[in-house]
Amino acid sequence: MNTIAITWQDIPEPKWGTQILPFLEAVLAQLEHTNWDLSVVFCRDAFIHELNKTYRHIDSPTDVLSFEQGDEYDDEDGNLRFNAGDIVISLDSLRSNAETFNVTMNEELKRLLIHGVLHLSGMDHSDNDPQQEMLQLQEKILKEYNNTVIYQE
């Protein structure tokens, strides 16, 4: 069983917030990730800007950051668990991405969540060229959830 914590940094949880957990559980199951612990933080550009500046030395906001932990530990019942890490998503950048790429907020939200999970899985990409293996896998997974609705205005 995976443990997923979802928090909202300086923003109220929207009605669609309850749809994130089942989506992430499905993606983790599809990737055969079990006994994972991860957190997802939703925020505004100002918050992610500070994180990006501090940890990546890039002085601008971004859409998604992943902070991979990657350590295993035994829980109180002696089960081996994986502390995957944290995903941070800016709702401001999510909106601007959706407008820039002419996709729905729902599609872009799913894309960013999958992107973050793939980073926590140990995958990476050197740029945003869609031919990169991680980005190819991201889009393949995303297509499988075409009919899944998370984000609703």
Protein backbone atom coordinates (compact mmCIF):
# COMPACT_ATOMS: atom_id res chain seq x y z
CA MET A 1 0.00 0.00 0.00
CA ASN A 2 1.30 3.43 -0.92
CA THR A 3 1.05 6.44 1.38
CA ILE A 4 0.41 9.75 -0.36
CA ALA A 5 0.16 13.07 1.48
CA ILE A 6 -1.35 16.01 -0.40
CA THR A 7 -1.04 19.54 0.95
CA TRP A 8 -1.97 23.02 -0.19
CA GLN A 9 0.59 25.76 0.49
CA ASP A 10 -1.12 29.11 1.10
CA ILE A 11 -4.12 28.16 -1.05
CA PRO A 12 -7.41 26.53 -0.10
CA GLU A 13 -7.97 22.98 -1.31
CA PRO A 14 -10.20 23.10 -4.39
CA LYS A 15 -13.18 20.77 -4.82
CA TRP A 16 -11.23 18.71 -7.36
CA GLY A 17 -8.45 18.09 -4.81
CA THR A 18 -10.06 14.81 -3.77
CA GLN A 19 -9.48 13.39 -7.28
CA ILE A 20 -5.68 13.59 -7.03
CA LEU A 21 -5.21 10.68 -4.66
CA PRO A 22 -7.02 8.03 -6.74
CA PHE A 23 -5.18 9.22 -9.86
CA LEU A 24 -1.76 8.95 -8.19
CA GLU A 25 -2.65 5.55 -6.73
CA ALA A 26 -3.53 4.31 -10.23
CA VAL A 27 -0.30 5.67 -11.75
CA LEU A 28 1.83 4.13 -8.98
CA ALA A 29 0.06 0.78 -9.44
CA GLN A 30 0.61 0.94 -13.20
CA LEU A 31 4.33 1.55 -12.61
CA GLU A 32 4.31 -1.34 -10.08
CA HIS A 33 5.44 0.94 -7.24
CA THR A 34 4.37 -0.51 -3.92
CA ASN A 35 5.00 0.59 -0.34
CA TRP A 36 5.91 4.08 -1.51
CA ASP A 37 5.67 7.18 0.65
CA LEU A 38 5.40 10.45 -1.22
CA SER A 39 3.99 13.90 -0.77
CA VAL A 40 2.54 16.36 -3.22
CA VAL A 41 2.45 20.07 -2.43
CA PHE A 42 0.32 22.44 -4.47
CA CYS A 43 1.37 26.08 -4.34
CA ARG A 44 1.61 29.40 -6.17
CA ASP A 45 4.51 30.62 -8.32
CA ALA A 46 6.08 32.63 -5.47
CA PHE A 47 6.58 29.50 -3.34
CA ILE A 48 7.98 27.30 -6.12
CA HIS A 49 10.15 30.23 -7.29
CA GLU A 50 11.92 30.26 -3.91
CA LEU A 51 12.41 26.48 -4.02
CA ASN A 52 13.75 26.66 -7.58
CA LYS A 53 16.13 29.46 -6.60
CA THR A 54 17.34 27.69 -3.46
CA TYR A 55 17.73 24.14 -4.77
CA ARG A 56 18.33 24.53 -8.51
CA HIS A 57 19.84 28.04 -8.53
CA ILE A 58 17.28 29.11 -11.14
CA ASP A 59 15.75 32.47 -10.28
CA SER A 60 12.26 31.91 -11.71
CA PRO A 61 9.16 29.87 -11.01
CA THR A 62 8.65 26.49 -12.65
CA ASP A 63 5.71 24.14 -13.06
CA VAL A 64 6.88 21.08 -11.13
CA LEU A 65 9.78 20.17 -8.87
CA SER A 66 10.61 16.73 -7.56
CA PHE A 67 12.75 16.15 -4.50
CA GLU A 68 13.82 12.52 -4.65
CA GLN A 69 14.60 10.87 -1.30
CA GLY A 70 15.08 7.31 -2.43
CA ASP A 71 15.67 5.63 0.92
CA GLU A 72 14.19 2.39 2.12
CA TYR A 73 13.18 1.73 5.70
CA ASP A 74 11.27 -0.81 7.76
CA ASP A 75 7.94 0.40 9.14
CA GLU A 76 6.64 -0.50 12.61
CA ASP A 77 5.29 -3.80 11.25
CA GLY A 78 8.62 -4.74 9.67
CA ASN A 79 7.49 -4.01 6.11
CA LEU A 80 10.06 -2.56 3.75
CA ARG A 81 8.93 0.88 2.57
CA PHE A 82 10.35 3.34 0.06
CA ASN A 83 10.52 7.04 0.93
CA ALA A 84 10.16 8.31 -2.63
CA GLY A 85 10.17 12.05 -1.90
CA ASP A 86 8.17 15.16 -2.68
CA ILE A 87 6.49 16.66 -5.72
CA VAL A 88 5.73 20.39 -5.75
CA ILE A 89 3.34 21.79 -8.38
CA SER A 90 2.57 25.46 -8.98
CA LEU A 91 -1.06 26.04 -9.91
CA ASP A 92 -0.06 29.37 -11.52
CA SER A 93 2.42 27.65 -13.84
CA LEU A 94 -0.05 24.83 -14.43
CA ARG A 95 -2.51 27.40 -15.77
CA SER A 96 0.06 29.19 -17.94
CA ASN A 97 1.31 25.84 -19.33
CA ALA A 98 -2.23 24.84 -20.26
CA GLU A 99 -2.68 28.15 -22.10
CA THR A 100 0.76 28.03 -23.77
CA PHE A 101 0.41 24.42 -24.96
CA ASN A 102 -3.30 24.74 -25.72
CA VAL A 103 -4.32 21.83 -23.50
CA THR A 104 -6.89 21.60 -20.73
CA MET A 105 -5.98 22.25 -17.12
CA ASN A 106 -7.01 18.64 -16.45
CA GLU A 107 -4.56 17.24 -19.02
CA GLU A 108 -1.71 19.44 -17.82
CA LEU A 109 -2.33 18.54 -14.17
CA LYS A 110 -2.16 14.82 -14.99
CA ARG A 111 1.01 15.44 -17.03
CA LEU A 112 2.74 17.26 -14.14
CA LEU A 113 1.75 14.59 -11.61
CA ILE A 114 3.08 11.81 -13.87
CA HIS A 115 6.22 13.86 -14.53
CA GLY A 116 6.86 14.19 -10.81
CA VAL A 117 6.32 10.47 -10.17
CA LEU A 118 8.72 9.53 -12.96
CA HIS A 119 11.40 11.79 -11.44
CA LEU A 120 10.84 10.12 -8.05
CA SER A 121 11.23 6.79 -9.88
CA GLY A 122 14.79 7.80 -10.74
CA MET A 123 14.17 8.98 -14.29
CA ASP A 124 15.50 12.27 -15.64
CA HIS A 125 15.73 14.32 -18.82
CA SER A 126 18.38 16.81 -19.93
CA ASP A 127 15.94 19.16 -21.67
CA ASN A 128 12.32 19.21 -22.82
CA ASP A 129 12.89 17.47 -26.15
CA PRO A 130 9.85 15.19 -26.50
CA GLN A 131 12.08 12.39 -27.87
CA GLN A 132 13.69 11.80 -24.48
CA GLU A 133 12.82 8.44 -22.90
CA MET A 134 11.27 9.90 -19.74
CA LEU A 135 9.06 12.32 -21.67
CA GLN A 136 8.01 9.57 -24.09
CA LEU A 137 6.95 7.38 -21.15
CA GLN A 138 5.16 10.33 -19.54
CA GLU A 139 3.05 10.91 -22.66
CA LYS A 140 2.37 7.17 -23.04
CA ILE A 141 1.07 6.96 -19.47
CA LEU A 142 -0.91 10.20 -19.90
CA LYS A 143 -2.74 8.77 -22.95
CA GLU A 144 -3.95 5.86 -20.82
CA TYR A 145 -5.75 8.34 -18.56
CA ASN A 146 -7.43 10.35 -21.34
CA ASN A 147 -10.85 9.85 -19.79
CA THR A 148 -9.78 10.52 -16.21
CA VAL A 149 -11.02 13.83 -14.87
CA ILE A 150 -9.21 15.44 -11.96
CA TYR A 151 -9.33 19.16 -12.55
CA GLN A 152 -12.73 20.83 -12.75
CA GLU A 153 -13.31 24.60 -12.57
